N, C-alpha and C. Protein backbone atom coordinates (compact mmCIF):
# COMPACT_ATOMS: atom_id res chain seq x y z
N MET A 1 0.86 -1.13 -0.09
CA MET A 1 -0.12 0.01 -0.14
C MET A 1 1.01 1.46 -0.03
N ASP A 2 0.72 2.04 -1.10
CA ASP A 2 1.55 3.30 -1.31
C ASP A 2 0.94 4.45 -0.47
N THR A 3 1.05 4.74 0.74
CA THR A 3 0.61 6.02 1.16
C THR A 3 0.96 7.27 0.97
N THR A 4 1.72 7.26 -0.21
CA THR A 4 1.91 8.73 -0.60
C THR A 4 1.09 9.03 -2.06
N ARG A 5 0.23 7.93 -2.33
CA ARG A 5 -0.52 8.33 -3.80
C ARG A 5 -1.40 9.24 -3.50
N MET A 6 -2.00 9.72 -4.55
CA MET A 6 -2.39 11.14 -4.37
C MET A 6 -4.13 10.32 -4.59
N VAL A 7 -5.19 10.85 -3.79
CA VAL A 7 -6.50 10.60 -3.85
C VAL A 7 -7.12 12.08 -4.17
N LYS A 8 -8.20 11.76 -5.01
CA LYS A 8 -8.98 13.18 -5.37
C LYS A 8 -10.01 13.14 -4.01
N ILE A 9 -10.39 14.18 -3.72
CA ILE A 9 -11.62 14.19 -2.47
C ILE A 9 -12.67 15.33 -2.61
N ARG A 10 -13.55 15.10 -2.81
CA ARG A 10 -14.69 16.00 -2.97
C ARG A 10 -15.75 16.50 -1.91
N ASN A 11 -15.47 17.76 -1.43
CA ASN A 11 -16.64 18.25 -0.59
C ASN A 11 -17.98 18.10 -1.23
N ARG A 12 -19.04 17.12 -0.55
CA ARG A 12 -20.15 17.25 -1.16
C ARG A 12 -21.29 17.84 -0.48
N ASP A 13 -20.79 18.78 0.87
CA ASP A 13 -21.80 19.55 1.49
C ASP A 13 -21.84 20.93 0.96
N ASN A 14 -22.87 21.48 1.52
CA ASN A 14 -23.36 23.08 0.74
C ASN A 14 -22.42 23.94 1.31
N ALA A 15 -21.78 23.50 2.38
CA ALA A 15 -21.09 24.40 2.97
C ALA A 15 -19.62 24.11 3.17
N ALA A 16 -18.68 25.29 3.69
CA ALA A 16 -17.18 25.07 3.76
C ALA A 16 -16.95 24.15 4.84
N VAL A 17 -16.18 22.93 4.58
CA VAL A 17 -15.56 22.14 5.27
C VAL A 17 -14.41 22.18 5.63
N PHE A 18 -13.77 21.85 6.92
CA PHE A 18 -12.16 22.39 7.07
C PHE A 18 -12.00 20.98 7.94
N TYR A 19 -10.67 20.54 8.06
CA TYR A 19 -9.97 19.86 9.19
C TYR A 19 -8.87 20.32 9.40
N ASP A 20 -8.06 19.70 10.60
CA ASP A 20 -7.03 19.97 11.00
C ASP A 20 -6.12 18.54 11.56
N ILE A 21 -4.80 18.64 11.00
CA ILE A 21 -4.24 17.26 11.29
C ILE A 21 -2.73 17.69 12.08
N PRO A 22 -2.72 17.69 13.33
CA PRO A 22 -1.46 18.17 14.34
C PRO A 22 -0.64 17.43 13.82
N GLU A 23 -0.70 16.12 13.60
CA GLU A 23 0.88 15.23 13.11
C GLU A 23 1.42 15.73 11.72
N LEU A 24 0.72 15.94 11.07
CA LEU A 24 1.48 16.65 9.72
C LEU A 24 1.63 18.35 9.77
N ASN A 25 2.47 18.43 11.10
CA ASN A 25 3.03 19.97 11.18
C ASN A 25 1.55 20.91 11.03
N GLY A 26 0.84 20.52 11.72
CA GLY A 26 -0.17 21.46 12.00
C GLY A 26 -1.13 21.57 10.77
N LEU A 27 -1.43 20.98 9.69
CA LEU A 27 -1.99 20.83 8.53
C LEU A 27 -3.65 21.62 8.80
N HIS A 28 -3.94 22.40 8.10
CA HIS A 28 -5.17 22.84 8.22
C HIS A 28 -5.57 23.11 6.66
N ARG A 29 -6.88 22.21 6.35
CA ARG A 29 -7.35 22.37 4.78
C ARG A 29 -9.12 23.00 5.15
N VAL A 30 -9.20 23.77 3.90
CA VAL A 30 -10.49 24.29 4.01
C VAL A 30 -11.00 23.77 2.53
N PHE A 31 -12.34 23.08 2.21
CA PHE A 31 -12.97 22.69 1.28
C PHE A 31 -14.35 23.57 1.13
N GLN A 32 -14.20 24.47 0.00
CA GLN A 32 -15.58 25.14 -0.25
C GLN A 32 -16.48 24.08 -0.89
N PRO A 33 -17.96 24.24 -0.85
CA PRO A 33 -19.02 23.53 -1.36
C PRO A 33 -18.47 23.05 -2.67
N GLY A 34 -18.44 21.67 -2.72
CA GLY A 34 -18.11 21.05 -4.16
C GLY A 34 -16.74 21.28 -4.54
N GLU A 35 -15.82 21.78 -3.92
CA GLU A 35 -14.36 21.53 -4.38
C GLU A 35 -14.02 20.48 -3.95
N ILE A 36 -12.97 19.94 -5.33
CA ILE A 36 -12.02 18.96 -5.26
C ILE A 36 -10.47 19.38 -5.01
N LYS A 37 -10.01 18.40 -4.60
CA LYS A 37 -8.82 18.72 -3.92
C LYS A 37 -8.14 17.25 -4.15
N GLU A 38 -6.79 17.11 -4.28
CA GLU A 38 -5.81 15.80 -4.30
C GLU A 38 -5.09 15.88 -3.10
N VAL A 39 -5.17 14.73 -2.11
CA VAL A 39 -4.40 14.76 -0.95
C VAL A 39 -3.90 13.63 -0.96
N SER A 40 -2.73 13.04 -0.21
CA SER A 40 -2.15 11.80 0.10
C SER A 40 -2.80 10.81 0.68
N LEU A 41 -2.83 9.71 0.49
CA LEU A 41 -3.51 8.78 1.25
C LEU A 41 -3.32 8.80 2.64
N ASP A 42 -1.87 8.73 2.72
CA ASP A 42 -1.56 9.08 4.33
C ASP A 42 -2.18 9.92 5.18
N GLU A 43 -2.62 11.34 4.30
CA GLU A 43 -3.33 12.42 5.05
C GLU A 43 -4.65 12.03 5.16
N LEU A 44 -5.32 11.49 4.69
CA LEU A 44 -6.67 10.73 4.83
C LEU A 44 -6.55 9.72 5.80
N ILE A 45 -5.72 8.69 5.98
CA ILE A 45 -5.64 7.86 6.96
C ILE A 45 -5.29 8.70 8.32
N LYS A 46 -4.96 9.41 8.35
CA LYS A 46 -4.36 10.14 9.81
C LYS A 46 -5.55 11.23 9.87
N LEU A 47 -6.08 11.67 9.18
CA LEU A 47 -7.47 12.06 9.27
C LEU A 47 -8.71 11.50 9.81
N SER A 48 -8.71 10.08 9.43
CA SER A 48 -9.50 9.15 9.85
C SER A 48 -9.31 8.89 11.51
N TYR A 49 -8.03 9.33 12.03
CA TYR A 49 -7.82 8.85 13.47
C TYR A 49 -8.15 10.26 14.43
N THR A 50 -8.41 11.12 13.63
CA THR A 50 -8.46 12.67 14.38
C THR A 50 -9.87 12.62 14.87
N PRO A 51 -10.18 13.29 15.99
CA PRO A 51 -11.63 13.50 16.19
C PRO A 51 -12.53 14.18 14.99
N GLY A 52 -13.48 13.48 15.06
CA GLY A 52 -14.69 13.88 14.12
C GLY A 52 -14.15 13.63 12.41
N GLY A 53 -12.77 13.04 12.37
CA GLY A 53 -12.47 12.77 10.88
C GLY A 53 -13.11 11.70 10.24
N MET A 54 -13.37 10.36 11.12
CA MET A 54 -14.10 9.35 10.20
C MET A 54 -15.50 10.11 9.71
N SER A 55 -16.36 10.70 10.80
CA SER A 55 -17.55 11.39 10.26
C SER A 55 -17.50 12.25 8.98
N LEU A 56 -16.32 13.05 8.69
CA LEU A 56 -16.22 13.84 7.77
C LEU A 56 -16.02 13.28 6.28
N LEU A 57 -15.32 12.13 6.63
CA LEU A 57 -14.86 11.14 5.55
C LEU A 57 -16.19 10.32 4.87
N ARG A 58 -17.00 10.17 5.80
CA ARG A 58 -18.16 9.20 5.46
C ARG A 58 -19.43 10.15 5.36
N ASN A 59 -19.25 11.16 5.95
CA ASN A 59 -20.49 12.09 5.52
C ASN A 59 -20.33 13.44 4.74
N ASN A 60 -19.60 14.39 4.50
CA ASN A 60 -19.10 15.21 4.17
C ASN A 60 -18.11 15.22 2.41
N PHE A 61 -17.49 13.84 2.88
CA PHE A 61 -16.32 14.17 1.25
C PHE A 61 -16.88 12.99 0.83
N VAL A 62 -16.42 12.94 -0.70
CA VAL A 62 -16.26 11.54 -1.47
C VAL A 62 -14.81 11.42 -1.87
N LEU A 63 -14.43 10.16 -1.68
CA LEU A 63 -13.30 9.72 -1.87
C LEU A 63 -13.58 9.24 -3.59
N GLY A 64 -12.46 9.75 -4.52
CA GLY A 64 -12.76 9.49 -5.72
C GLY A 64 -12.06 8.25 -6.07
N ASP A 65 -11.40 7.50 -5.10
CA ASP A 65 -10.49 6.22 -5.49
C ASP A 65 -11.09 4.96 -4.70
N PRO A 66 -11.42 3.98 -5.15
CA PRO A 66 -12.35 3.08 -4.64
C PRO A 66 -11.19 2.28 -3.59
N GLU A 67 -10.17 2.08 -3.99
CA GLU A 67 -9.18 1.60 -3.06
C GLU A 67 -9.21 2.21 -2.10
N ALA A 68 -9.12 3.69 -2.01
CA ALA A 68 -8.91 4.44 -0.40
C ALA A 68 -10.22 4.16 0.20
N VAL A 69 -11.07 4.09 -0.72
CA VAL A 69 -12.28 4.10 0.11
C VAL A 69 -12.32 2.59 1.13
N LYS A 70 -12.24 1.50 0.25
CA LYS A 70 -11.91 0.45 0.88
C LYS A 70 -11.18 0.10 2.12
N ILE A 71 -9.74 1.01 1.77
CA ILE A 71 -8.79 0.96 3.11
C ILE A 71 -9.49 2.02 4.19
N ILE A 72 -9.70 3.04 3.90
CA ILE A 72 -10.32 3.82 5.01
C ILE A 72 -11.64 3.57 5.31
N LEU A 73 -12.38 3.76 4.52
CA LEU A 73 -13.94 3.29 5.14
C LEU A 73 -14.51 1.57 5.43
N GLY A 74 -13.75 0.83 4.53
CA GLY A 74 -14.40 -0.48 4.22
C GLY A 74 -15.26 -0.20 3.40
N LYS A 75 -16.58 -1.30 3.61
CA LYS A 75 -17.44 -1.52 2.88
C LYS A 75 -18.40 -0.15 2.53
N VAL A 76 -18.79 0.33 1.62
CA VAL A 76 -19.82 1.60 1.80
C VAL A 76 -20.87 1.21 0.77
N GLU A 77 -22.17 1.66 1.52
CA GLU A 77 -23.19 1.83 0.33
C GLU A 77 -23.44 2.19 -1.13
N PRO A 78 -24.14 2.12 -2.07
CA PRO A 78 -23.77 2.70 -3.27
C PRO A 78 -24.20 4.16 -2.93
N GLU A 79 -25.11 4.44 -2.12
CA GLU A 79 -25.37 6.16 -1.95
C GLU A 79 -24.36 6.75 -1.47
N TYR A 80 -23.09 6.38 -1.32
CA TYR A 80 -21.98 7.24 -0.68
C TYR A 80 -21.30 7.87 -1.89
N ASN A 81 -21.72 7.34 -3.14
CA ASN A 81 -21.05 7.72 -4.43
C ASN A 81 -21.96 8.53 -4.85
N TYR A 82 -23.21 8.88 -4.66
CA TYR A 82 -24.28 9.47 -5.58
C TYR A 82 -23.94 11.10 -5.44
N THR A 83 -24.16 11.82 -6.78
CA THR A 83 -23.75 12.96 -7.03
C THR A 83 -25.06 13.59 -7.21
N ALA A 84 -25.10 14.97 -7.37
CA ALA A 84 -26.04 15.39 -7.29
C ALA A 84 -26.92 15.00 -8.50
N THR A 85 -26.64 14.75 -9.58
CA THR A 85 -26.99 14.41 -10.98
C THR A 85 -27.94 12.86 -10.54
N ASP A 86 -27.17 11.97 -9.79
CA ASP A 86 -27.76 10.78 -9.63
C ASP A 86 -28.95 11.14 -8.64
N ILE A 87 -28.84 11.93 -7.63
CA ILE A 87 -30.00 12.41 -6.60
C ILE A 87 -31.15 12.89 -7.28
N LYS A 88 -30.74 13.81 -8.51
CA LYS A 88 -31.97 14.27 -8.63
C LYS A 88 -32.74 13.41 -10.02
N ASN A 89 -31.89 12.37 -10.37
CA ASN A 89 -32.68 11.25 -11.36
C ASN A 89 -33.46 10.61 -10.30
N LEU A 90 -32.98 10.12 -9.12
CA LEU A 90 -33.78 9.00 -8.25
C LEU A 90 -34.95 9.92 -7.73
N MET A 91 -34.90 11.19 -7.54
CA MET A 91 -36.10 11.89 -7.13
C MET A 91 -37.19 12.49 -8.33
N GLU A 92 -36.51 12.35 -9.26
CA GLU A 92 -37.70 12.75 -10.24
C GLU A 92 -38.22 10.98 -11.15
N ASN A 93 -37.22 10.29 -11.00
CA ASN A 93 -37.77 8.88 -11.91
C ASN A 93 -37.34 7.58 -11.22
N GLY A 94 -36.85 7.85 -10.21
CA GLY A 94 -36.95 6.44 -9.29
C GLY A 94 -38.15 6.14 -8.52
N SER A 95 -38.03 4.87 -8.31
CA SER A 95 -39.45 4.43 -7.47
C SER A 95 -39.30 4.59 -5.77
N LEU A 96 -40.52 4.72 -5.55
CA LEU A 96 -40.49 4.84 -3.93
C LEU A 96 -39.45 4.10 -3.28
N ASP A 97 -39.58 2.74 -3.64
CA ASP A 97 -38.41 1.79 -2.61
C ASP A 97 -37.06 1.97 -2.90
N GLU A 98 -36.54 2.54 -4.12
CA GLU A 98 -35.16 2.84 -4.18
C GLU A 98 -35.15 4.30 -3.75
N PHE A 99 -36.08 5.25 -3.45
CA PHE A 99 -35.97 6.65 -2.72
C PHE A 99 -35.77 6.14 -1.22
N LEU A 100 -36.53 5.30 -0.61
CA LEU A 100 -36.34 4.82 0.78
C LEU A 100 -35.06 4.40 1.17
N ASP A 101 -34.40 3.51 0.14
CA ASP A 101 -33.52 3.06 0.47
C ASP A 101 -32.54 3.94 0.37
N CYS A 102 -32.29 4.91 -0.32
CA CYS A 102 -31.54 5.98 -0.52
C CYS A 102 -31.73 6.70 1.08
N LEU A 103 -32.76 7.28 1.45
CA LEU A 103 -32.76 7.84 2.96
C LEU A 103 -32.40 6.68 3.99
N ASP A 104 -32.62 5.66 3.91
CA ASP A 104 -32.05 4.81 5.14
C ASP A 104 -30.51 4.25 5.18
N PHE A 105 -29.93 4.36 3.70
CA PHE A 105 -28.57 3.91 3.69
C PHE A 105 -27.85 5.44 3.25
N ALA A 106 -27.95 6.36 2.57
CA ALA A 106 -27.17 7.70 2.54
C ALA A 106 -26.49 8.22 3.68
N PRO A 107 -25.35 8.45 3.34
CA PRO A 107 -24.56 9.35 4.28
C PRO A 107 -25.37 10.83 4.53
N GLU A 108 -24.75 11.39 5.61
CA GLU A 108 -25.72 12.64 5.95
C GLU A 108 -25.40 13.60 4.87
N GLY A 109 -24.24 13.66 4.14
CA GLY A 109 -24.34 14.90 3.21
C GLY A 109 -25.20 14.43 1.97
N VAL A 110 -25.50 13.10 1.49
CA VAL A 110 -26.46 13.22 0.67
C VAL A 110 -27.88 13.38 1.10
N ILE A 111 -28.08 13.13 2.38
CA ILE A 111 -29.56 13.39 2.68
C ILE A 111 -29.67 14.95 2.90
N GLU A 112 -28.40 15.84 2.98
CA GLU A 112 -28.73 17.17 2.93
C GLU A 112 -29.13 17.85 1.75
N ILE A 113 -28.28 17.01 0.66
CA ILE A 113 -28.71 17.47 -0.69
C ILE A 113 -30.22 16.85 -1.44
N ILE A 114 -30.66 15.98 -0.76
CA ILE A 114 -32.13 15.62 -0.91
C ILE A 114 -32.93 16.41 -0.25
N LYS A 115 -32.68 17.32 0.67
CA LYS A 115 -33.71 18.30 1.24
C LYS A 115 -33.31 19.50 0.49
N THR A 116 -32.30 19.96 0.36
CA THR A 116 -32.28 21.13 -0.51
C THR A 116 -32.60 21.11 -2.20
N MET A 117 -32.29 20.13 -2.44
CA MET A 117 -32.99 19.75 -3.90
C MET A 117 -34.41 19.52 -3.73
N ALA A 118 -35.03 18.85 -2.67
CA ALA A 118 -36.50 18.67 -2.78
C ALA A 118 -37.28 19.97 -2.88
N VAL A 119 -36.75 21.26 -2.35
CA VAL A 119 -37.35 22.24 -2.19
C VAL A 119 -37.22 22.85 -3.76
N ASN A 120 -35.82 23.08 -4.13
CA ASN A 120 -35.70 23.66 -5.12
C ASN A 120 -36.05 23.22 -6.30
N LEU A 121 -36.04 22.06 -6.69
CA LEU A 121 -36.82 21.29 -7.93
C LEU A 121 -38.09 22.02 -8.25
N PRO A 122 -39.16 21.77 -7.74
CA PRO A 122 -39.44 21.32 -6.09
C PRO A 122 -39.95 19.93 -6.49
N LEU A 123 -39.96 19.00 -5.76
CA LEU A 123 -40.14 17.69 -5.85
C LEU A 123 -41.70 17.47 -5.49
N ASN A 124 -42.33 16.95 -6.60
CA ASN A 124 -43.74 16.74 -6.60
C ASN A 124 -44.17 15.63 -6.18
N ASP A 125 -43.43 14.67 -6.16
CA ASP A 125 -43.98 13.34 -5.70
C ASP A 125 -44.40 13.33 -4.14
N VAL A 126 -45.75 13.32 -3.86
CA VAL A 126 -45.94 13.68 -2.36
C VAL A 126 -45.54 12.43 -1.52
N ALA A 127 -45.28 11.17 -1.89
CA ALA A 127 -45.13 10.09 -1.23
C ALA A 127 -43.64 9.97 -1.06
N LYS A 128 -42.87 10.97 -1.87
CA LYS A 128 -41.50 11.23 -1.50
C LYS A 128 -41.14 12.21 -0.47
N ARG A 129 -42.13 13.14 -0.85
CA ARG A 129 -41.88 14.32 0.37
C ARG A 129 -42.51 13.67 1.81
N GLU A 130 -43.43 12.82 1.63
CA GLU A 130 -43.55 12.39 2.96
C GLU A 130 -42.46 11.53 3.73
N ALA A 131 -42.22 10.97 2.62
CA ALA A 131 -40.49 10.11 3.00
C ALA A 131 -39.82 10.57 3.87
N ILE A 132 -39.59 11.55 3.18
CA ILE A 132 -38.37 12.76 3.66
C ILE A 132 -38.85 13.25 5.04
N LEU A 133 -40.19 13.40 5.21
CA LEU A 133 -40.76 14.16 6.64
C LEU A 133 -40.30 12.80 7.52
N ASN A 134 -40.76 12.06 7.34
CA ASN A 134 -40.83 10.61 8.35
C ASN A 134 -39.25 10.24 8.64
N LYS A 135 -38.33 10.11 7.79
CA LYS A 135 -37.25 9.73 7.82
C LYS A 135 -36.24 11.14 8.70
N THR A 136 -36.37 12.16 8.44
CA THR A 136 -35.63 13.37 8.69
C THR A 136 -36.19 14.36 9.46
N GLY A 137 -37.65 14.27 9.54
CA GLY A 137 -38.45 15.45 10.16
C GLY A 137 -38.40 16.82 9.27
N PHE A 138 -37.76 16.94 8.10
CA PHE A 138 -38.30 18.02 7.48
C PHE A 138 -39.30 17.87 6.43
N ASN A 139 -40.06 19.25 6.81
CA ASN A 139 -41.18 19.22 5.80
C ASN A 139 -41.04 19.91 4.61
N VAL A 140 -40.90 19.25 3.17
CA VAL A 140 -40.77 19.52 2.34
C VAL A 140 -41.60 20.80 1.88
N THR A 141 -42.94 20.33 1.88
CA THR A 141 -44.24 21.06 1.44
C THR A 141 -43.98 22.54 2.28
N ASN A 142 -43.95 22.45 3.24
CA ASN A 142 -43.77 23.71 4.25
C ASN A 142 -42.80 24.68 3.83
N ALA A 143 -41.47 24.21 3.22
CA ALA A 143 -40.35 24.58 3.17
C ALA A 143 -40.49 25.18 1.48
N ILE A 144 -41.19 24.49 0.50
CA ILE A 144 -41.54 25.21 -0.86
C ILE A 144 -42.41 26.31 -0.69
N ASN A 145 -43.62 26.17 0.47
CA ASN A 145 -44.32 27.29 0.47
C ASN A 145 -43.72 28.54 1.05
N ILE A 146 -43.03 28.34 2.04
CA ILE A 146 -42.08 29.30 2.51
C ILE A 146 -41.30 30.06 1.47
N LYS A 147 -40.91 29.27 0.55
CA LYS A 147 -39.92 29.62 -0.30
C LYS A 147 -40.84 30.37 -1.42
N ARG A 148 -41.78 30.24 -1.71
CA ARG A 148 -42.57 30.64 -2.80
C ARG A 148 -43.17 32.07 -2.34
N GLU A 149 -43.61 31.97 -1.16
CA GLU A 149 -44.00 33.21 -0.27
C GLU A 149 -42.92 34.45 -0.25
N THR A 150 -41.91 33.98 0.08
CA THR A 150 -40.66 34.95 0.09
C THR A 150 -40.23 35.42 -1.32
N GLU A 151 -40.48 34.50 -2.22
CA GLU A 151 -39.91 35.18 -3.75
C GLU A 151 -41.20 35.72 -4.21
N THR A 152 -42.56 35.66 -3.95
CA THR A 152 -43.41 36.72 -4.20
C THR A 152 -43.11 38.16 -3.67
N GLU A 153 -42.95 37.94 -2.45
CA GLU A 153 -43.00 39.05 -1.77
C GLU A 153 -41.79 39.88 -2.26
N THR A 154 -40.56 39.25 -2.84
CA THR A 154 -39.56 40.22 -3.22
C THR A 154 -39.70 40.49 -4.98
N GLU A 155 -40.78 39.91 -5.60
CA GLU A 155 -41.22 40.15 -6.82
C GLU A 155 -42.03 40.94 -6.87
N LYS A 156 -42.49 41.59 -5.99
CA LYS A 156 -43.80 42.58 -6.05
C LYS A 156 -43.59 43.68 -7.06
N PRO A 157 -44.36 43.92 -8.18
CA PRO A 157 -44.22 45.09 -9.00
C PRO A 157 -44.28 46.07 -8.32
N ALA A 158 -43.80 47.39 -8.62
CA ALA A 158 -44.26 48.76 -8.04
C ALA A 158 -45.89 49.02 -7.92
N ALA A 159 -46.44 49.57 -7.01
CA ALA A 159 -47.82 49.48 -6.89
C ALA A 159 -48.29 50.83 -8.01
N ALA A 160 -49.15 50.52 -8.52
CA ALA A 160 -49.92 51.27 -9.52
C ALA A 160 -50.53 52.51 -8.77
N PRO A 161 -50.78 53.43 -9.13
CA PRO A 161 -51.62 54.40 -8.25
C PRO A 161 -53.05 53.94 -8.23
N ILE A 162 -54.12 54.13 -7.34
CA ILE A 162 -55.05 53.59 -6.84
C ILE A 162 -56.02 54.70 -7.58
N ARG A 163 -57.03 54.37 -8.46
CA ARG A 163 -57.86 55.08 -9.21
C ARG A 163 -59.19 54.83 -8.78
N ARG A 164 -60.04 55.68 -8.70
CA ARG A 164 -61.55 55.47 -8.73
C ARG A 164 -62.01 54.62 -10.02
N ARG A 165 -62.97 53.72 -10.00
CA ARG A 165 -63.71 53.22 -11.04
C ARG A 165 -64.80 53.86 -11.58
N VAL A 166 -65.71 54.21 -10.57
CA VAL A 166 -67.04 55.03 -10.75
C VAL A 166 -66.62 56.49 -10.52
N HIS A 167 -67.11 57.39 -11.31
CA HIS A 167 -67.27 58.52 -11.50
C HIS A 167 -68.46 59.52 -11.21
N LYS A 168 -68.70 60.33 -10.43
CA LYS A 168 -69.80 61.11 -10.28
C LYS A 168 -69.73 62.24 -11.22
N GLU A 169 -70.85 62.57 -11.70
CA GLU A 169 -70.94 63.89 -12.81
C GLU A 169 -69.94 65.18 -12.18
N ASP A 170 -70.14 65.19 -10.58
CA ASP A 170 -69.42 66.52 -10.22
C ASP A 170 -68.08 66.17 -10.03
N GLU A 171 -67.87 64.99 -9.97
CA GLU A 171 -66.08 64.82 -10.25
C GLU A 171 -65.67 64.55 -11.44
N ALA A 172 -66.43 64.60 -11.99
CA ALA A 172 -65.99 64.12 -13.88
C ALA A 172 -64.77 65.36 -14.38
N GLU A 173 -65.47 66.80 -14.00
CA GLU A 173 -64.60 67.61 -14.22
C GLU A 173 -64.41 68.56 -13.04
N PRO A 174 -62.96 69.02 -13.25
CA PRO A 174 -62.79 69.69 -11.98
C PRO A 174 -63.38 71.03 -11.68
N ALA A 175 -63.89 71.40 -10.82
CA ALA A 175 -64.32 72.79 -10.48
C ALA A 175 -64.17 73.95 -11.39
N LYS A 176 -64.46 74.95 -11.92
CA LYS A 176 -64.06 76.24 -12.33
C LYS A 176 -63.67 77.12 -11.32
N LYS A 177 -62.82 78.00 -11.46
CA LYS A 177 -62.72 78.89 -10.65
C LYS A 177 -63.59 79.87 -10.88
N THR A 178 -64.14 80.77 -9.77
CA THR A 178 -64.66 81.83 -9.72
C THR A 178 -64.68 82.77 -8.90
N ARG A 179 -64.69 83.95 -9.14
CA ARG A 179 -64.59 84.98 -8.08
C ARG A 179 -65.47 84.97 -7.03
N ARG A 180 -65.18 85.03 -5.83
CA ARG A 180 -66.03 85.77 -4.54
C ARG A 180 -66.59 86.86 -4.60
N VAL A 181 -65.75 87.78 -5.07
CA VAL A 181 -66.03 89.23 -4.63
C VAL A 181 -65.82 89.91 -6.10
N ILE A 182 -67.16 90.55 -6.48
CA ILE A 182 -67.11 91.17 -7.39
C ILE A 182 -67.03 92.73 -7.13
N LYS A 183 -65.74 93.14 -8.13
CA LYS A 183 -65.68 94.48 -7.85
C LYS A 183 -66.60 95.39 -8.44
N SER A 184 -67.24 96.71 -8.44
CA SER A 184 -68.07 97.61 -9.42
C SER A 184 -66.77 98.55 -10.12
N GLU A 185 -66.88 98.77 -11.31
CA GLU A 185 -66.29 99.84 -11.84
C GLU A 185 -66.97 101.13 -12.20
């Protein structure tokens, strides 16, 4: 096993993820959402031994090398490798059972993508919305409604002046100015 081998690692989270490895001269890495970096297998192994490191590797990162996955994480479920495209396809075309399997076996990072995507698409399958609610406690329907209300409030056009629809005869023409005092000459 060559631990100097470089492995691509991708942040699957919607937020920046960072880690520190004191054993590697105080190494500090920051991954922006979706960012891919190449790091050594040795670094990933040492990360797995740090507090929270294994959780980051399982839930927030995707290792691009199947052999590295096997060495560090052991056997993983197929959902570990899901991309945003795979998740979108599952939400739009997958069966309810496939979707439920994903909710049961996917890492937390995939679940977060599902919740975000369910609101942004929006997810129209009510059974899948209910599955998300039952498995995660996240109410997709409420989130979609809130998003629509927020978008509607920000997109309101400028208010047109209010005008009367019914005009009385007296109001149709403005009153003509007349003198109150007449001077005699």
